[in-house]
Amino acid sequence: MNEIKRREILFLYDVTFANPNGDPNDENKPRIDEETMINYVTDVRLKRTIRDYLKDYKNKEIFIFEESGEKGERISKKERIKKYGNDPRKALEECIDLRLFGSTFAIENKDKGKNKVETSETTESQENNLSITGPVQFKFGKSLHRVKLEFVKGTTVMPGGEGKQAGTFTEKYVLPYSLICFSGLVNGKVAEIEGINLTLDDINLMYEGMWEGTKTLFTTSKAQQPRLLLEVVYKDETFHIGDLEKGLKLITKVEEEALRSPEDYSVDITNLVSLLEKYKDHIDFIRVKEGDLIKFNYNGEQTSLSKVLIDKGFEVKEFGF
């Protein structure tokens, strides 16, 4: 049995008057499903939060991040792999984000005799494409409620010399509130197949990056707080329940678009707990971290998720951060 086993993840965080993930193809507006008015956030955004935290606060080697050269040009993955001797496996050994999420590589091969690609023309430099599937995958995050999009205008005034001032207008789109739920899977079998030496330390650092990185990423466009982190660890490396996020439901007395803080709702966990109970024999243990202010409801009573799971006979552990 692989020590990583199979692990299912739920992660809740919220944003307040912010843009959790702008769409560059749509004026950088928050991403919203126009049919349902549900806010969604790409897995790339969450992975970037984790990468930035591990690089900036834990001094971990990260492969994919924004880096500029001496002339201000953006350094590509193709250039960065040269740091590791054009060897993806060496990069995999050293970079925690590659061990977690995998990547694709385009490697220059200046030796025409190696891995020759049949083309109409022979080039002096060829590329070998390599794709490594990461053992950790996330679905897109989605808000547990309908959201409201607001357009905000402002002004910026800067001194222009000799008492003169020059002003410019600022414009941006924000969501007054969004409670976002990510679900994910850690698949130890994929790590084995891909030859990735993923460790429990890597997994625990990823969770810390999710929680603390979300708190650390506090800017005018990213005012956000983590609210819940749940990890379900399975006994069988080939089994997981799936769709755990569908066991969560918001209970509120106001219109969903009018939500502004955790005080305006509670998260009903009744269906989630029932789902976990149904497959209890497959579960080794569960880890839970609950943030401040968030309220949970089970069978009509306010409680904590940890307490309910303990009462149901699950082994519940804490995260180490």
C-alpha atoms as a PDB file:
ATOM      1  CA  MET A   1       0.000   0.000   0.000  1.00  0.00           C
ATOM      2  CA  ASN A   2       1.378   3.402  -0.998  1.00  0.00           C
ATOM      3  CA  GLU A   3       1.738   5.642   2.088  1.00  0.00           C
ATOM      4  CA  ILE A   4       0.044   8.469   0.209  1.00  0.00           C
ATOM      5  CA  LYS A   5      -3.089   6.345  -0.250  1.00  0.00           C
ATOM      6  CA  ARG A   6      -6.046   8.084  -1.857  1.00  0.00           C
ATOM      7  CA  ARG A   7      -7.250  11.324  -0.317  1.00  0.00           C
ATOM      8  CA  GLU A   8     -10.274  13.444  -1.128  1.00  0.00           C
ATOM      9  CA  ILE A   9     -10.257  17.177  -0.390  1.00  0.00           C
ATOM     10  CA  LEU A  10     -12.818  19.888   0.281  1.00  0.00           C
ATOM     11  CA  PHE A  11     -11.654  23.481   0.697  1.00  0.00           C
ATOM     12  CA  LEU A  12     -13.898  26.460   1.409  1.00  0.00           C
ATOM     13  CA  TYR A  13     -12.813  30.084   1.372  1.00  0.00           C
ATOM     14  CA  ASP A  14     -14.584  33.374   0.840  1.00  0.00           C
ATOM     15  CA  VAL A  15     -13.851  36.731  -0.767  1.00  0.00           C
ATOM     16  CA  THR A  16     -15.340  40.101   0.159  1.00  0.00           C
ATOM     17  CA  PHE A  17     -15.591  42.947  -2.376  1.00  0.00           C
ATOM     18  CA  ALA A  18     -12.870  41.345  -4.431  1.00  0.00           C
ATOM     19  CA  ASN A  19     -12.147  39.505  -7.658  1.00  0.00           C
ATOM     20  CA  PRO A  20     -11.177  35.906  -6.854  1.00  0.00           C
ATOM     21  CA  ASN A  21     -10.117  35.032 -10.406  1.00  0.00           C
ATOM     22  CA  GLY A  22     -10.377  37.492 -13.291  1.00  0.00           C
ATOM     23  CA  ASP A  23     -11.008  36.409 -16.878  1.00  0.00           C
ATOM     24  CA  PRO A  24      -8.415  38.127 -19.133  1.00  0.00           C
ATOM     25  CA  ASN A  25     -10.671  37.512 -22.142  1.00  0.00           C
ATOM     26  CA  ASP A  26     -13.569  39.407 -20.544  1.00  0.00           C
ATOM     27  CA  GLU A  27     -12.195  42.695 -19.119  1.00  0.00           C
ATOM     28  CA  ASN A  28     -10.720  40.718 -16.194  1.00  0.00           C
ATOM     29  CA  LYS A  29     -14.200  40.284 -14.733  1.00  0.00           C
ATOM     30  CA  PRO A  30     -14.763  37.630 -12.063  1.00  0.00           C
ATOM     31  CA  ARG A  31     -15.684  34.367 -13.750  1.00  0.00           C
ATOM     32  CA  ILE A  32     -19.447  33.790 -13.585  1.00  0.00           C
ATOM     33  CA  ASP A  33     -21.677  31.192 -15.209  1.00  0.00           C
ATOM     34  CA  GLU A  34     -24.264  33.429 -16.855  1.00  0.00           C
ATOM     35  CA  GLU A  35     -26.958  30.737 -16.692  1.00  0.00           C
ATOM     36  CA  THR A  36     -26.733  30.159 -12.931  1.00  0.00           C
ATOM     37  CA  MET A  37     -24.845  33.268 -11.699  1.00  0.00           C
ATOM     38  CA  ILE A  38     -22.468  30.917  -9.909  1.00  0.00           C
ATOM     39  CA  ASN A  39     -18.927  32.257  -9.494  1.00  0.00           C
ATOM     40  CA  TYR A  40     -16.197  29.846 -10.551  1.00  0.00           C
ATOM     41  CA  VAL A  41     -12.432  29.856 -10.019  1.00  0.00           C
ATOM     42  CA  THR A  42      -9.928  27.851 -12.060  1.00  0.00           C
ATOM     43  CA  ASP A  43      -7.723  25.191 -10.519  1.00  0.00           C
ATOM     44  CA  VAL A  44      -4.761  27.191 -11.869  1.00  0.00           C
ATOM     45  CA  ARG A  45      -5.597  30.037  -9.474  1.00  0.00           C
ATOM     46  CA  LEU A  46      -5.586  27.732  -6.439  1.00  0.00           C
ATOM     47  CA  LYS A  47      -2.347  26.078  -7.534  1.00  0.00           C
ATOM     48  CA  ARG A  48      -0.751  29.489  -7.937  1.00  0.00           C
ATOM     49  CA  THR A  49      -1.773  30.392  -4.375  1.00  0.00           C
ATOM     50  CA  ILE A  50      -0.086  27.225  -3.132  1.00  0.00           C
ATOM     51  CA  ARG A  51       3.044  27.751  -5.247  1.00  0.00           C
ATOM     52  CA  ASP A  52       3.497  31.377  -4.177  1.00  0.00           C
ATOM     53  CA  TYR A  53       3.181  30.502  -0.494  1.00  0.00           C
ATOM     54  CA  LEU A  54       5.610  27.590  -0.666  1.00  0.00           C
ATOM     55  CA  LYS A  55       8.143  29.680  -2.584  1.00  0.00           C
ATOM     56  CA  ASP A  56       7.886  32.927  -0.608  1.00  0.00           C
ATOM     57  CA  TYR A  57       7.205  31.644   2.911  1.00  0.00           C
ATOM     58  CA  LYS A  58       8.623  28.097   3.024  1.00  0.00           C
ATOM     59  CA  ASN A  59      11.616  28.624   0.682  1.00  0.00           C
ATOM     60  CA  LYS A  60      10.693  25.617  -1.419  1.00  0.00           C
ATOM     61  CA  GLU A  61      11.970  25.059  -4.947  1.00  0.00           C
ATOM     62  CA  ILE A  62       9.135  25.924  -7.359  1.00  0.00           C
ATOM     63  CA  PHE A  63       9.252  25.310 -11.096  1.00  0.00           C
ATOM     64  CA  ILE A  64       6.249  27.266 -12.359  1.00  0.00           C
ATOM     65  CA  PHE A  65       6.184  30.926 -11.306  1.00  0.00           C
ATOM     66  CA  GLU A  66       6.430  34.320 -12.949  1.00  0.00           C
ATOM     67  CA  GLU A  67      10.086  35.217 -13.481  1.00  0.00           C
ATOM     68  CA  SER A  68      11.679  37.901 -15.606  1.00  0.00           C
ATOM     69  CA  GLY A  69      15.100  38.016 -17.232  1.00  0.00           C
ATOM     70  CA  GLU A  70      17.615  40.879 -17.234  1.00  0.00           C
ATOM     71  CA  LYS A  71      15.764  42.661 -20.039  1.00  0.00           C
ATOM     72  CA  GLY A  72      12.372  42.251 -18.398  1.00  0.00           C
ATOM     73  CA  GLU A  73      11.330  39.375 -20.639  1.00  0.00           C
ATOM     74  CA  ARG A  74       9.233  36.605 -19.143  1.00  0.00           C
ATOM     75  CA  ILE A  75      11.174  33.370 -18.634  1.00  0.00           C
ATOM     76  CA  SER A  76       9.372  30.370 -20.116  1.00  0.00           C
ATOM     77  CA  LYS A  77       9.254  26.794 -18.870  1.00  0.00           C
ATOM     78  CA  LYS A  78      11.444  25.880 -21.834  1.00  0.00           C
ATOM     79  CA  GLU A  79      14.145  28.222 -20.526  1.00  0.00           C
ATOM     80  CA  ARG A  80      13.720  27.294 -16.883  1.00  0.00           C
ATOM     81  CA  ILE A  81      14.220  23.579 -17.489  1.00  0.00           C
ATOM     82  CA  LYS A  82      17.788  24.390 -18.590  1.00  0.00           C
ATOM     83  CA  LYS A  83      18.545  25.087 -14.913  1.00  0.00           C
ATOM     84  CA  TYR A  84      18.020  21.358 -14.357  1.00  0.00           C
ATOM     85  CA  GLY A  85      20.164  20.253 -17.280  1.00  0.00           C
ATOM     86  CA  ASN A  86      17.126  19.904 -19.546  1.00  0.00           C
ATOM     87  CA  ASP A  87      16.150  16.911 -17.404  1.00  0.00           C
ATOM     88  CA  PRO A  88      12.474  16.912 -16.287  1.00  0.00           C
ATOM     89  CA  ARG A  89      13.177  14.099 -13.829  1.00  0.00           C
ATOM     90  CA  LYS A  90      15.793  16.200 -12.063  1.00  0.00           C
ATOM     91  CA  ALA A  91      13.327  19.094 -11.915  1.00  0.00           C
ATOM     92  CA  LEU A  92      10.730  16.678 -10.550  1.00  0.00           C
ATOM     93  CA  GLU A  93      13.080  15.638  -7.753  1.00  0.00           C
ATOM     94  CA  GLU A  94      13.793  19.224  -6.721  1.00  0.00           C
ATOM     95  CA  CYS A  95      10.487  21.074  -7.307  1.00  0.00           C
ATOM     96  CA  ILE A  96       7.598  20.373  -4.967  1.00  0.00           C
ATOM     97  CA  ASP A  97       4.998  21.841  -7.332  1.00  0.00           C
ATOM     98  CA  LEU A  98       5.961  19.351 -10.048  1.00  0.00           C
ATOM     99  CA  ARG A  99       5.695  16.448  -7.608  1.00  0.00           C
ATOM    100  CA  LEU A 100       2.212  17.652  -6.665  1.00  0.00           C
ATOM    101  CA  PHE A 101       0.694  18.889  -9.910  1.00  0.00           C
ATOM    102  CA  GLY A 102       2.898  17.557 -12.711  1.00  0.00           C
ATOM    103  CA  SER A 103       3.533  19.554 -15.891  1.00  0.00           C
ATOM    104  CA  THR A 104       4.263  19.384 -19.595  1.00  0.00           C
ATOM    105  CA  PHE A 105       7.744  19.970 -20.961  1.00  0.00           C
ATOM    106  CA  ALA A 106       9.148  20.855 -24.373  1.00  0.00           C
ATOM    107  CA  ILE A 107      12.813  19.912 -24.285  1.00  0.00           C
ATOM    108  CA  GLU A 108      15.288  21.039 -26.922  1.00  0.00           C
ATOM    109  CA  ASN A 109      17.339  18.214 -28.337  1.00  0.00           C
ATOM    110  CA  LYS A 110      20.368  19.480 -30.235  1.00  0.00           C
ATOM    111  CA  ASP A 111      21.543  15.944 -30.989  1.00  0.00           C
ATOM    112  CA  LYS A 112      19.714  15.005 -34.166  1.00  0.00           C
ATOM    113  CA  GLY A 113      20.475  11.349 -33.601  1.00  0.00           C
ATOM    114  CA  LYS A 114      18.485  11.127 -30.375  1.00  0.00           C
ATOM    115  CA  ASN A 115      14.718  10.769 -30.307  1.00  0.00           C
ATOM    116  CA  LYS A 116      14.596  11.901 -33.910  1.00  0.00           C
ATOM    117  CA  VAL A 117      11.206  13.132 -35.039  1.00  0.00           C
ATOM    118  CA  GLU A 118      10.214  12.338 -38.609  1.00  0.00           C
ATOM    119  CA  THR A 119       9.359  15.568 -40.413  1.00  0.00           C
ATOM    120  CA  SER A 120       9.569  16.858 -43.951  1.00  0.00           C
ATOM    121  CA  GLU A 121      12.636  18.821 -42.922  1.00  0.00           C
ATOM    122  CA  THR A 122      15.433  17.989 -40.546  1.00  0.00           C
ATOM    123  CA  THR A 123      16.146  20.794 -38.081  1.00  0.00           C
ATOM    124  CA  GLU A 124      19.262  21.265 -36.025  1.00  0.00           C
ATOM    125  CA  SER A 125      17.197  21.702 -32.868  1.00  0.00           C
ATOM    126  CA  GLN A 126      14.214  19.499 -32.123  1.00  0.00           C
ATOM    127  CA  GLU A 127      11.791  19.353 -29.205  1.00  0.00           C
ATOM    128  CA  ASN A 128      10.789  16.326 -27.155  1.00  0.00           C
ATOM    129  CA  ASN A 129       7.394  16.773 -25.549  1.00  0.00           C
ATOM    130  CA  LEU A 130       6.945  15.132 -22.174  1.00  0.00           C
ATOM    131  CA  SER A 131       3.795  15.214 -20.056  1.00  0.00           C
ATOM    132  CA  ILE A 132       3.840  14.201 -16.384  1.00  0.00           C
ATOM    133  CA  THR A 133       0.423  13.769 -14.767  1.00  0.00           C
ATOM    134  CA  GLY A 134       0.364  15.146 -11.245  1.00  0.00           C
ATOM    135  CA  PRO A 135      -1.069  12.984  -8.437  1.00  0.00           C
ATOM    136  CA  VAL A 136      -2.976  16.002  -7.088  1.00  0.00           C
ATOM    137  CA  GLN A 137      -5.860  17.337  -9.169  1.00  0.00           C
ATOM    138  CA  PHE A 138      -8.566  19.910  -8.417  1.00  0.00           C
ATOM    139  CA  LYS A 139     -11.879  20.639 -10.070  1.00  0.00           C
ATOM    140  CA  PHE A 140     -12.798  24.261 -10.724  1.00  0.00           C
ATOM    141  CA  GLY A 141     -13.926  25.956  -7.528  1.00  0.00           C
ATOM    142  CA  LYS A 142     -17.554  27.110  -7.468  1.00  0.00           C
ATOM    143  CA  SER A 143     -19.501  29.401  -5.174  1.00  0.00           C
ATOM    144  CA  LEU A 144     -22.172  27.690  -3.085  1.00  0.00           C
ATOM    145  CA  HIS A 145     -24.614  30.465  -3.998  1.00  0.00           C
ATOM    146  CA  ARG A 146     -25.518  32.942  -6.692  1.00  0.00           C
ATOM    147  CA  VAL A 147     -23.342  36.052  -6.755  1.00  0.00           C
ATOM    148  CA  LYS A 148     -23.738  39.676  -7.746  1.00  0.00           C
ATOM    149  CA  LEU A 149     -21.278  41.444 -10.040  1.00  0.00           C
ATOM    150  CA  GLU A 150     -20.517  45.095  -9.243  1.00  0.00           C
ATOM    151  CA  PHE A 151     -18.609  47.670 -11.265  1.00  0.00           C
ATOM    152  CA  VAL A 152     -16.575  50.038  -9.095  1.00  0.00           C
ATOM    153  CA  LYS A 153     -15.101  53.362 -10.209  1.00  0.00           C
ATOM    154  CA  GLY A 154     -12.518  55.365  -8.336  1.00  0.00           C
ATOM    155  CA  THR A 155      -9.837  58.008  -8.747  1.00  0.00           C
ATOM    156  CA  THR A 156      -6.132  58.109  -8.065  1.00  0.00           C
ATOM    157  CA  VAL A 157      -4.535  61.489  -7.392  1.00  0.00           C
ATOM    158  CA  MET A 158      -0.757  61.947  -7.604  1.00  0.00           C
ATOM    159  CA  PRO A 159       1.195  65.177  -7.111  1.00  0.00           C
ATOM    160  CA  GLY A 160       2.443  66.660 -10.396  1.00  0.00           C
ATOM    161  CA  GLY A 161       5.003  69.122  -9.029  1.00  0.00           C
ATOM    162  CA  GLU A 162       4.689  72.693  -7.734  1.00  0.00           C
ATOM    163  CA  GLY A 163       1.382  71.950  -6.058  1.00  0.00           C
ATOM    164  CA  LYS A 164      -0.174  70.513  -9.172  1.00  0.00           C
ATOM    165  CA  GLN A 165      -2.061  67.251  -9.019  1.00  0.00           C
ATOM    166  CA  ALA A 166      -2.952  64.820 -11.745  1.00  0.00           C
ATOM    167  CA  GLY A 167      -5.807  62.361 -11.372  1.00  0.00           C
ATOM    168  CA  THR A 168      -6.648  59.154 -13.160  1.00  0.00           C
ATOM    169  CA  PHE A 169      -9.793  57.062 -13.059  1.00  0.00           C
ATOM    170  CA  THR A 170      -9.713  53.453 -11.896  1.00  0.00           C
ATOM    171  CA  GLU A 171     -12.310  50.874 -12.835  1.00  0.00           C
ATOM    172  CA  LYS A 172     -12.730  47.274 -11.732  1.00  0.00           C
ATOM    173  CA  TYR A 173     -15.298  44.529 -11.323  1.00  0.00           C
ATOM    174  CA  VAL A 174     -15.764  42.875  -7.931  1.00  0.00           C
ATOM    175  CA  LEU A 175     -18.030  40.447  -6.128  1.00  0.00           C
ATOM    176  CA  PRO A 176     -19.423  41.791  -2.839  1.00  0.00           C
ATOM    177  CA  TYR A 177     -19.243  38.236  -1.498  1.00  0.00           C
ATOM    178  CA  SER A 178     -18.517  34.710  -2.684  1.00  0.00           C
ATOM    179  CA  LEU A 179     -18.111  31.495  -0.678  1.00  0.00           C
ATOM    180  CA  ILE A 180     -16.077  29.231  -2.944  1.00  0.00           C
ATOM    181  CA  CYS A 181     -15.745  25.459  -2.674  1.00  0.00           C
ATOM    182  CA  PHE A 182     -12.890  23.502  -4.231  1.00  0.00           C
ATOM    183  CA  SER A 183     -12.800  19.710  -4.347  1.00  0.00           C
ATOM    184  CA  GLY A 184      -9.740  17.671  -5.182  1.00  0.00           C
ATOM    185  CA  LEU A 185      -8.113  14.280  -5.150  1.00  0.00           C
ATOM    186  CA  VAL A 186      -4.679  12.991  -4.139  1.00  0.00           C
ATOM    187  CA  ASN A 187      -3.976   9.786  -6.044  1.00  0.00           C
ATOM    188  CA  GLY A 188      -0.972   7.881  -4.732  1.00  0.00           C
ATOM    189  CA  LYS A 189      -1.294   5.316  -7.524  1.00  0.00           C
ATOM    190  CA  VAL A 190      -0.675   8.029 -10.129  1.00  0.00           C
ATOM    191  CA  ALA A 191       2.512   8.987  -8.266  1.00  0.00           C
ATOM    192  CA  GLU A 192       3.677   5.374  -8.538  1.00  0.00           C
ATOM    193  CA  ILE A 193       2.834   5.108 -12.239  1.00  0.00           C
ATOM    194  CA  GLU A 194       4.546   8.412 -13.073  1.00  0.00           C
ATOM    195  CA  GLY A 195       7.588   7.601 -10.941  1.00  0.00           C
ATOM    196  CA  ILE A 196       7.012  10.601  -8.675  1.00  0.00           C
ATOM    197  CA  ASN A 197       8.511  10.466  -5.190  1.00  0.00           C
ATOM    198  CA  LEU A 198       5.584  12.271  -3.582  1.00  0.00           C
ATOM    199  CA  THR A 199       5.834  12.333   0.228  1.00  0.00           C
ATOM    200  CA  LEU A 200       3.470  13.007   3.104  1.00  0.00           C
ATOM    201  CA  ASP A 201       5.535  16.112   3.842  1.00  0.00           C
ATOM    202  CA  ASP A 202       4.736  17.366   0.325  1.00  0.00           C
ATOM    203  CA  ILE A 203       1.029  16.784   0.909  1.00  0.00           C
ATOM    204  CA  ASN A 204       1.057  18.519   4.283  1.00  0.00           C
ATOM    205  CA  LEU A 205       2.922  21.510   2.860  1.00  0.00           C
ATOM    206  CA  MET A 206       0.317  21.736   0.094  1.00  0.00           C
ATOM    207  CA  TYR A 207      -2.470  21.910   2.679  1.00  0.00           C
ATOM    208  CA  GLU A 208      -0.594  24.609   4.565  1.00  0.00           C
ATOM    209  CA  GLY A 209      -0.202  26.480   1.285  1.00  0.00           C
ATOM    210  CA  MET A 210      -3.937  26.263   0.631  1.00  0.00           C
ATOM    211  CA  TRP A 211      -4.889  27.580   4.071  1.00  0.00           C
ATOM    212  CA  GLU A 212      -2.125  30.032   4.926  1.00  0.00           C
ATOM    213  CA  GLY A 213      -1.566  31.048   1.312  1.00  0.00           C
ATOM    214  CA  THR A 214      -5.205  32.068   1.010  1.00  0.00           C
ATOM    215  CA  LYS A 215      -4.837  34.248   4.106  1.00  0.00           C
ATOM    216  CA  THR A 216      -1.520  35.674   2.920  1.00  0.00           C
ATOM    217  CA  LEU A 217      -2.872  36.589  -0.517  1.00  0.00           C
ATOM    218  CA  PHE A 218      -4.559  39.729   0.824  1.00  0.00           C
ATOM    219  CA  THR A 219      -4.691  42.562  -1.709  1.00  0.00           C
ATOM    220  CA  THR A 220      -7.335  44.993  -2.962  1.00  0.00           C
ATOM    221  CA  SER A 221      -8.368  42.339  -5.487  1.00  0.00           C
ATOM    222  CA  LYS A 222      -7.978  39.320  -3.202  1.00  0.00           C
ATOM    223  CA  ALA A 223      -9.579  40.026   0.183  1.00  0.00           C
ATOM    224  CA  GLN A 224     -10.175  36.444   1.251  1.00  0.00           C
ATOM    225  CA  GLN A 225     -10.218  34.049   4.204  1.00  0.00           C
ATOM    226  CA  PRO A 226     -10.112  30.220   4.490  1.00  0.00           C
ATOM    227  CA  ARG A 227     -13.195  28.707   6.148  1.00  0.00           C
ATOM    228  CA  LEU A 228     -12.911  24.906   5.954  1.00  0.00           C
ATOM    229  CA  LEU A 229     -10.332  22.296   4.969  1.00  0.00           C
ATOM    230  CA  LEU A 230     -11.431  18.657   4.933  1.00  0.00           C
ATOM    231  CA  GLU A 231      -9.315  15.636   3.988  1.00  0.00           C
ATOM    232  CA  VAL A 232     -10.814  12.139   3.748  1.00  0.00           C
ATOM    233  CA  VAL A 233      -8.116   9.450   3.739  1.00  0.00           C
ATOM    234  CA  TYR A 234      -9.201   6.104   2.297  1.00  0.00           C
ATOM    235  CA  LYS A 235      -8.000   2.598   3.138  1.00  0.00           C
ATOM    236  CA  ASP A 236      -8.159   1.439  -0.474  1.00  0.00           C
ATOM    237  CA  GLU A 237      -5.890   3.227  -2.952  1.00  0.00           C
ATOM    238  CA  THR A 238      -8.390   2.538  -5.760  1.00  0.00           C
ATOM    239  CA  PHE A 239     -11.525   3.939  -4.060  1.00  0.00           C
ATOM    240  CA  HIS A 240     -12.944   7.371  -3.349  1.00  0.00           C
ATOM    241  CA  ILE A 241     -16.499   8.655  -2.949  1.00  0.00           C
ATOM    242  CA  GLY A 242     -16.371  11.633  -5.317  1.00  0.00           C
ATOM    243  CA  ASP A 243     -18.508  14.777  -5.515  1.00  0.00           C
ATOM    244  CA  LEU A 244     -18.242  15.502  -1.778  1.00  0.00           C
ATOM    245  CA  GLU A 245     -18.979  19.171  -2.512  1.00  0.00           C
ATOM    246  CA  LYS A 246     -22.545  18.195  -3.428  1.00  0.00           C
ATOM    247  CA  GLY A 247     -23.108  17.292   0.213  1.00  0.00           C
ATOM    248  CA  LEU A 248     -22.869  20.976   1.210  1.00  0.00           C
ATOM    249  CA  LYS A 249     -25.785  23.395   1.097  1.00  0.00           C
ATOM    250  CA  LEU A 250     -26.146  27.006   2.203  1.00  0.00           C
ATOM    251  CA  ILE A 251     -28.969  27.936   4.574  1.00  0.00           C
ATOM    252  CA  THR A 252     -29.828  31.623   4.539  1.00  0.00           C
ATOM    253  CA  LYS A 253     -32.800  33.899   5.181  1.00  0.00           C
ATOM    254  CA  VAL A 254     -31.629  36.550   2.707  1.00  0.00           C
ATOM    255  CA  GLU A 255     -31.349  36.449  -1.057  1.00  0.00           C
ATOM    256  CA  GLU A 256     -28.179  34.629  -2.100  1.00  0.00           C
ATOM    257  CA  GLU A 257     -26.952  37.665  -4.033  1.00  0.00           C
ATOM    258  CA  ALA A 258     -27.306  39.722  -0.839  1.00  0.00           C
ATOM    259  CA  LEU A 259     -24.876  37.606   1.205  1.00  0.00           C
ATOM    260  CA  ARG A 260     -22.032  39.707   2.587  1.00  0.00           C
ATOM    261  CA  SER A 261     -20.374  37.641   5.356  1.00  0.00           C
ATOM    262  CA  PRO A 262     -20.504  34.259   7.157  1.00  0.00           C
ATOM    263  CA  GLU A 263     -22.961  35.858   9.585  1.00  0.00           C
ATOM    264  CA  ASP A 264     -25.593  35.742   6.823  1.00  0.00           C
ATOM    265  CA  TYR A 265     -25.750  31.945   6.477  1.00  0.00           C
ATOM    266  CA  SER A 266     -24.804  28.519   7.786  1.00  0.00           C
ATOM    267  CA  VAL A 267     -23.443  25.565   5.834  1.00  0.00           C
ATOM    268  CA  ASP A 268     -25.639  22.480   6.059  1.00  0.00           C
ATOM    269  CA  ILE A 269     -23.430  19.372   6.327  1.00  0.00           C
ATOM    270  CA  THR A 270     -26.220  16.800   6.815  1.00  0.00           C
ATOM    271  CA  ASN A 271     -25.894  15.246   3.356  1.00  0.00           C
ATOM    272  CA  LEU A 272     -22.092  15.295   3.511  1.00  0.00           C
ATOM    273  CA  VAL A 273     -22.039  13.391   6.808  1.00  0.00           C
ATOM    274  CA  SER A 274     -24.599  10.896   5.479  1.00  0.00           C
ATOM    275  CA  LEU A 275     -22.420  10.298   2.435  1.00  0.00           C
ATOM    276  CA  LEU A 276     -19.344   9.711   4.584  1.00  0.00           C
ATOM    277  CA  GLU A 277     -21.314   7.366   6.852  1.00  0.00           C
ATOM    278  CA  LYS A 278     -22.470   5.334   3.846  1.00  0.00           C
ATOM    279  CA  TYR A 279     -18.851   4.559   2.931  1.00  0.00           C
ATOM    280  CA  LYS A 280     -17.414   4.539   6.450  1.00  0.00           C
ATOM    281  CA  ASP A 281     -15.797   1.112   6.014  1.00  0.00           C
ATOM    282  CA  HIS A 282     -13.628   2.528   3.223  1.00  0.00           C
ATOM    283  CA  ILE A 283     -12.362   5.479   5.290  1.00  0.00           C
ATOM    284  CA  ASP A 284      -9.162   5.309   7.327  1.00  0.00           C
ATOM    285  CA  PHE A 285      -9.383   8.723   9.014  1.00  0.00           C
ATOM    286  CA  ILE A 286     -10.490  12.309   8.387  1.00  0.00           C
ATOM    287  CA  ARG A 287      -8.691  15.593   9.010  1.00  0.00           C
ATOM    288  CA  VAL A 288     -10.615  18.819   9.591  1.00  0.00           C
ATOM    289  CA  LYS A 289      -9.681  22.475  10.025  1.00  0.00           C
ATOM    290  CA  GLU A 290     -12.514  24.937  10.619  1.00  0.00           C
ATOM    291  CA  GLY A 291     -11.987  28.671  10.308  1.00  0.00           C
ATOM    292  CA  ASP A 292     -13.360  31.465  12.430  1.00  0.00           C
ATOM    293  CA  LEU A 293     -16.923  32.723  11.956  1.00  0.00           C
ATOM    294  CA  ILE A 294     -18.109  29.855   9.736  1.00  0.00           C
ATOM    295  CA  LYS A 295     -21.255  28.133  11.077  1.00  0.00           C
ATOM    296  CA  PHE A 296     -22.266  24.543  10.312  1.00  0.00           C
ATOM    297  CA  ASN A 297     -25.698  22.993  10.588  1.00  0.00           C
ATOM    298  CA  TYR A 298     -26.464  19.298  11.061  1.00  0.00           C
ATOM    299  CA  ASN A 299     -30.069  18.091  11.123  1.00  0.00           C
ATOM    300  CA  GLY A 300     -31.263  21.580  12.015  1.00  0.00           C
ATOM    301  CA  GLU A 301     -28.789  22.215  14.845  1.00  0.00           C
ATOM    302  CA  GLN A 302     -25.738  24.466  14.796  1.00  0.00           C
ATOM    303  CA  THR A 303     -22.562  22.511  15.486  1.00  0.00           C
ATOM    304  CA  SER A 304     -19.025  21.890  14.256  1.00  0.00           C
ATOM    305  CA  LEU A 305     -18.129  19.404  11.549  1.00  0.00           C
ATOM    306  CA  SER A 306     -15.412  17.854  13.715  1.00  0.00           C
ATOM    307  CA  LYS A 307     -17.834  17.175  16.551  1.00  0.00           C
ATOM    308  CA  VAL A 308     -20.395  15.519  14.285  1.00  0.00           C
ATOM    309  CA  LEU A 309     -17.781  13.259  12.693  1.00  0.00           C
ATOM    310  CA  ILE A 310     -16.390  12.228  16.097  1.00  0.00           C
ATOM    311  CA  ASP A 311     -19.917  11.494  17.328  1.00  0.00           C
ATOM    312  CA  LYS A 312     -20.418   9.285  14.268  1.00  0.00           C
ATOM    313  CA  GLY A 313     -17.375   7.208  15.193  1.00  0.00           C
ATOM    314  CA  PHE A 314     -14.862   8.517  12.657  1.00  0.00           C
ATOM    315  CA  GLU A 315     -11.233   8.948  13.626  1.00  0.00           C
ATOM    316  CA  VAL A 316     -10.754  12.712  13.294  1.00  0.00           C
ATOM    317  CA  LYS A 317      -7.298  14.277  13.252  1.00  0.00           C
ATOM    318  CA  GLU A 318      -6.044  17.851  13.103  1.00  0.00           C
ATOM    319  CA  PHE A 319      -3.791  19.418  10.501  1.00  0.00           C
ATOM    320  CA  GLY A 320      -0.331  20.309  11.729  1.00  0.00           C
ATOM    321  CA  PHE A 321      -0.485  24.055  11.103  1.00  0.00           C
END
